[in-house]
Structures are given as C-alpha cells and as structure tokens.
C-alpha atoms as a PDB file:
ATOM      1  CA  MET A   1      -8.806  57.332 104.661  1.00  0.00           C
ATOM      2  CA  SER A   2     -11.262  56.036 102.059  1.00  0.00           C
ATOM      3  CA  GLU A   3     -13.147  52.810 102.551  1.00  0.00           C
ATOM      4  CA  ALA A   4     -11.985  49.946 100.362  1.00  0.00           C
ATOM      5  CA  SER A   5     -14.211  49.262  97.386  1.00  0.00           C
ATOM      6  CA  HIS A   6     -12.227  46.250  96.120  1.00  0.00           C
ATOM      7  CA  THR A   7     -10.030  43.385  97.270  1.00  0.00           C
ATOM      8  CA  ILE A   8      -7.084  42.401  95.067  1.00  0.00           C
ATOM      9  CA  LEU A   9      -5.533  38.925  95.252  1.00  0.00           C
ATOM     10  CA  ILE A  10      -2.283  38.291  93.358  1.00  0.00           C
ATOM     11  CA  HIS A  11      -1.946  34.810  91.821  1.00  0.00           C
ATOM     12  CA  ASP A  12       1.192  35.310  89.725  1.00  0.00           C
ATOM     13  CA  PRO A  13       3.926  35.952  90.619  1.00  0.00           C
ATOM     14  CA  TRP A  14       3.207  33.279  93.215  1.00  0.00           C
ATOM     15  CA  PHE A  15       5.844  34.692  95.589  1.00  0.00           C
ATOM     16  CA  PHE A  16       4.126  38.108  95.747  1.00  0.00           C
ATOM     17  CA  GLU A  17       4.188  39.613  99.214  1.00  0.00           C
ATOM     18  CA  ILE A  18       3.619  43.134 100.445  1.00  0.00           C
ATOM     19  CA  THR A  19       5.292  44.824 103.399  1.00  0.00           C
ATOM     20  CA  ASN A  20       2.851  43.525 105.989  1.00  0.00           C
ATOM     21  CA  GLY A  21       3.053  40.062 104.424  1.00  0.00           C
ATOM     22  CA  SER A  22      -0.596  39.967 103.409  1.00  0.00           C
ATOM     23  CA  ASN A  23      -2.110  39.072 100.112  1.00  0.00           C
ATOM     24  CA  PRO A  24      -4.892  40.073  99.374  1.00  0.00           C
ATOM     25  CA  PHE A  25      -4.787  43.835  99.727  1.00  0.00           C
ATOM     26  CA  SER A  26      -7.446  46.542  99.572  1.00  0.00           C
ATOM     27  CA  ALA A  27      -7.967  49.344  97.069  1.00  0.00           C
ATOM     28  CA  THR A  28     -10.438  52.117  96.303  1.00  0.00           C
ATOM     29  CA  ALA A  29     -11.906  52.655  92.840  1.00  0.00           C
ATOM     30  CA  VAL A  30     -10.962  55.867  91.032  1.00  0.00           C
ATOM     31  CA  GLY A  31     -12.389  55.282  87.559  1.00  0.00           C
ATOM     32  CA  VAL A  32     -11.871  53.843  84.104  1.00  0.00           C
ATOM     33  CA  LEU A  33      -9.309  55.339  81.751  1.00  0.00           C
ATOM     34  CA  SER A  34      -7.833  54.584  78.342  1.00  0.00           C
ATOM     35  CA  GLY A  35      -4.754  52.425  78.120  1.00  0.00           C
ATOM     36  CA  PRO A  36      -1.876  52.658  75.647  1.00  0.00           C
ATOM     37  CA  ASP A  37      -2.044  50.647  72.433  1.00  0.00           C
ATOM     38  CA  ALA A  38       0.391  47.956  73.621  1.00  0.00           C
ATOM     39  CA  ILE A  39       0.265  44.326  74.733  1.00  0.00           C
ATOM     40  CA  ASN A  40      -1.493  43.903  78.125  1.00  0.00           C
ATOM     41  CA  TRP A  41      -2.935  47.433  78.066  1.00  0.00           C
ATOM     42  CA  ARG A  42      -5.198  47.782  75.024  1.00  0.00           C
ATOM     43  CA  GLY A  43      -8.599  49.238  75.702  1.00  0.00           C
ATOM     44  CA  LYS A  44      -9.904  50.467  79.027  1.00  0.00           C
ATOM     45  CA  LEU A  45      -8.106  50.130  82.381  1.00  0.00           C
ATOM     46  CA  PHE A  46      -9.684  50.244  85.838  1.00  0.00           C
ATOM     47  CA  LEU A  47      -7.712  52.618  88.091  1.00  0.00           C
ATOM     48  CA  LEU A  48      -7.562  51.989  91.844  1.00  0.00           C
ATOM     49  CA  ASN A  49      -5.727  53.625  94.761  1.00  0.00           C
ATOM     50  CA  VAL A  50      -4.025  51.079  97.016  1.00  0.00           C
ATOM     51  CA  LEU A  51      -5.037  51.680 100.643  1.00  0.00           C
ATOM     52  CA  GLU A  52      -1.699  50.503 102.059  1.00  0.00           C
ATOM     53  CA  PRO A  53       0.999  51.272  99.481  1.00  0.00           C
ATOM     54  CA  PHE A  54       3.609  48.526  99.012  1.00  0.00           C
ATOM     55  CA  GLN A  55       6.965  47.999  97.274  1.00  0.00           C
ATOM     56  CA  CYS A  56       7.423  46.316  93.893  1.00  0.00           C
ATOM     57  CA  ASP A  57      10.938  45.945  92.490  1.00  0.00           C
ATOM     58  CA  GLY A  58      12.096  48.409  95.147  1.00  0.00           C
ATOM     59  CA  GLU A  59       9.622  51.118  94.130  1.00  0.00           C
ATOM     60  CA  PRO A  60       6.502  52.294  95.988  1.00  0.00           C
ATOM     61  CA  VAL A  61       3.108  51.366  94.543  1.00  0.00           C
ATOM     62  CA  SER A  62       0.113  53.522  95.446  1.00  0.00           C
ATOM     63  CA  GLN A  63      -1.994  53.111  92.289  1.00  0.00           C
ATOM     64  CA  ILE A  64      -2.785  50.062  90.167  1.00  0.00           C
ATOM     65  CA  LEU A  65      -4.545  49.507  86.849  1.00  0.00           C
ATOM     66  CA  CYS A  66      -6.596  46.368  86.232  1.00  0.00           C
ATOM     67  CA  SER A  67      -8.060  44.959  83.036  1.00  0.00           C
ATOM     68  CA  PRO A  68     -10.022  41.750  82.508  1.00  0.00           C
ATOM     69  CA  ARG A  69      -7.567  39.028  81.514  1.00  0.00           C
ATOM     70  CA  TYR A  70      -9.828  36.817  79.448  1.00  0.00           C
ATOM     71  CA  LYS A  71     -11.240  37.734  76.065  1.00  0.00           C
ATOM     72  CA  GLY A  72     -14.939  38.402  76.381  1.00  0.00           C
ATOM     73  CA  ASP A  73     -14.875  39.416  80.064  1.00  0.00           C
ATOM     74  CA  PRO A  74     -16.333  42.928  80.230  1.00  0.00           C
ATOM     75  CA  MET A  75     -14.916  45.730  82.389  1.00  0.00           C
ATOM     76  CA  PHE A  76     -18.238  45.546  84.279  1.00  0.00           C
ATOM     77  CA  LEU A  77     -17.036  42.347  86.015  1.00  0.00           C
ATOM     78  CA  ALA A  78     -13.883  44.036  87.332  1.00  0.00           C
ATOM     79  CA  ARG A  79     -15.745  47.129  88.499  1.00  0.00           C
ATOM     80  CA  PHE A  80     -18.822  45.611  90.102  1.00  0.00           C
ATOM     81  CA  LEU A  81     -18.380  41.858  90.625  1.00  0.00           C
ATOM     82  CA  SER A  82     -15.252  39.695  90.357  1.00  0.00           C
ATOM     83  CA  CYS A  83     -12.901  38.480  87.630  1.00  0.00           C
ATOM     84  CA  THR A  84      -9.335  37.522  86.758  1.00  0.00           C
ATOM     85  CA  VAL A  85      -7.311  40.586  85.784  1.00  0.00           C
ATOM     86  CA  GLY A  86      -3.945  41.687  84.500  1.00  0.00           C
ATOM     87  CA  ILE A  87      -2.474  44.201  86.966  1.00  0.00           C
ATOM     88  CA  SER A  88      -0.123  47.083  86.277  1.00  0.00           C
ATOM     89  CA  ARG A  89       1.348  49.582  88.690  1.00  0.00           C
ATOM     90  CA  VAL A  90       1.621  53.299  88.111  1.00  0.00           C
ATOM     91  CA  ARG A  91       5.322  54.123  88.350  1.00  0.00           C
ATOM     92  CA  PRO A  92       6.642  56.549  91.001  1.00  0.00           C
ATOM     93  CA  GLY A  93       6.360  60.199  90.020  1.00  0.00           C
ATOM     94  CA  TYR A  94       3.046  59.704  88.197  1.00  0.00           C
ATOM     95  CA  HIS A  95      -0.477  59.992  89.555  1.00  0.00           C
ATOM     96  CA  TYR A  96      -3.559  59.220  87.509  1.00  0.00           C
ATOM     97  CA  THR A  97      -7.155  60.384  87.778  1.00  0.00           C
ATOM     98  CA  GLU A  98     -10.190  59.150  85.893  1.00  0.00           C
ATOM     99  CA  HIS A  99      -9.659  62.026  83.447  1.00  0.00           C
ATOM    100  CA  THR A 100      -6.186  60.961  82.307  1.00  0.00           C
ATOM    101  CA  SER A 101      -4.926  58.331  79.871  1.00  0.00           C
ATOM    102  CA  ALA A 102      -2.285  55.748  80.741  1.00  0.00           C
ATOM    103  CA  HIS A 103       1.059  55.960  78.933  1.00  0.00           C
ATOM    104  CA  GLU A 104       3.289  52.932  78.378  1.00  0.00           C
ATOM    105  CA  SER A 105       6.375  54.560  79.941  1.00  0.00           C
ATOM    106  CA  GLU A 106       4.436  55.458  83.128  1.00  0.00           C
ATOM    107  CA  ILE A 107       3.052  52.007  83.986  1.00  0.00           C
ATOM    108  CA  ASP A 108       4.478  48.535  84.553  1.00  0.00           C
ATOM    109  CA  TYR A 109       2.593  45.239  84.102  1.00  0.00           C
ATOM    110  CA  PHE A 110       3.574  43.136  87.108  1.00  0.00           C
ATOM    111  CA  ALA A 111       0.929  40.563  88.039  1.00  0.00           C
ATOM    112  CA  ILE A 112      -2.083  38.413  87.287  1.00  0.00           C
ATOM    113  CA  GLY A 113      -4.717  38.225  89.955  1.00  0.00           C
ATOM    114  CA  GLU A 114      -8.325  38.530  90.944  1.00  0.00           C
ATOM    115  CA  ILE A 115     -10.354  41.609  91.753  1.00  0.00           C
ATOM    116  CA  ARG A 116     -13.475  41.436  93.915  1.00  0.00           C
ATOM    117  CA  ALA A 117     -15.915  44.282  94.484  1.00  0.00           C
ATOM    118  CA  ARG A 118     -16.939  44.879  98.110  1.00  0.00           C
ATOM    119  CA  GLY A 119     -20.319  46.064  99.309  1.00  0.00           C
ATOM    120  CA  ARG A 120     -21.739  46.562  95.832  1.00  0.00           C
ATOM    121  CA  PHE A 121     -25.340  45.747  95.047  1.00  0.00           C
ATOM    122  CA  PHE A 122     -26.362  44.055  91.836  1.00  0.00           C
ATOM    123  CA  LYS A 123     -29.941  43.002  91.134  1.00  0.00           C
ATOM    124  CA  GLY A 124     -30.765  42.987  94.852  1.00  0.00           C
ATOM    125  CA  HIS A 125     -27.848  40.741  95.846  1.00  0.00           C
ATOM    126  CA  ARG A 126     -24.934  41.972  97.898  1.00  0.00           C
ATOM    127  CA  VAL A 127     -21.540  41.092  96.333  1.00  0.00           C
ATOM    128  CA  ARG A 128     -18.835  40.224  98.845  1.00  0.00           C
END
C-alpha cells in the first residue's frame, strides 16, 4: 500500500462519515488533470487515490478530485501545502490517471473540505 501524501477533511456536508467513522481520511497524489468545462470543475483538478475506499450515496469511492475553492488560490496550495477545496468523486466503473481528462458524466461533486500535504518540504520547512 502507498504511503499517504495528503489528509482530506470534509467540512460540508457536515454529517459526512466514512465506514470506519473517521474524518479526516488519507489519500495518495496521482497527478493533475483537466476538468470538464462545467460549474465546480473548470480548469485543473488534483487527482488522489483514497487509501481506505468509502461509500458515498451507496457507491464505492476510491478516487477523488480536488480543486481550490477560492478564486485566486493556486493549485500549488492543494498539491504542496493546504487549502480549502471542492471535492468530487470518480464514479464506479471509471479509473483516472494523470494522463486522462475528467468527464462530467464520470465524476460527482459531493463535498467541500480541506486538503493538507504530508511530509512535503517547502523552502526548508516541513509541512504537516
């Protein structure tokens, strides 16, 4: 199993809970890919594999896509530091790599949360 590169904390929906009851959960970075030209997904999306897949609306979630929520926040914050993000899940039957593009029918926007990089180094300071 891969080591987690990021921690994801869901803020909305406030009742979010995964199978083991924990929030936050861990994920491993895959890469940045292009999103569809639709609300919540314009531009680049940060793809992550969830280390312990969970259920959302009765469907398994093993991959998520994050994008900075606030105008002006660069993707750099989501990838290497911390920021508030919009979170989508990749629907069952689809699996993305950093060389694919996201399609509106294959993803579902389901949460707002925070992403935090683990064990990354930036200008000599360790980010936790």
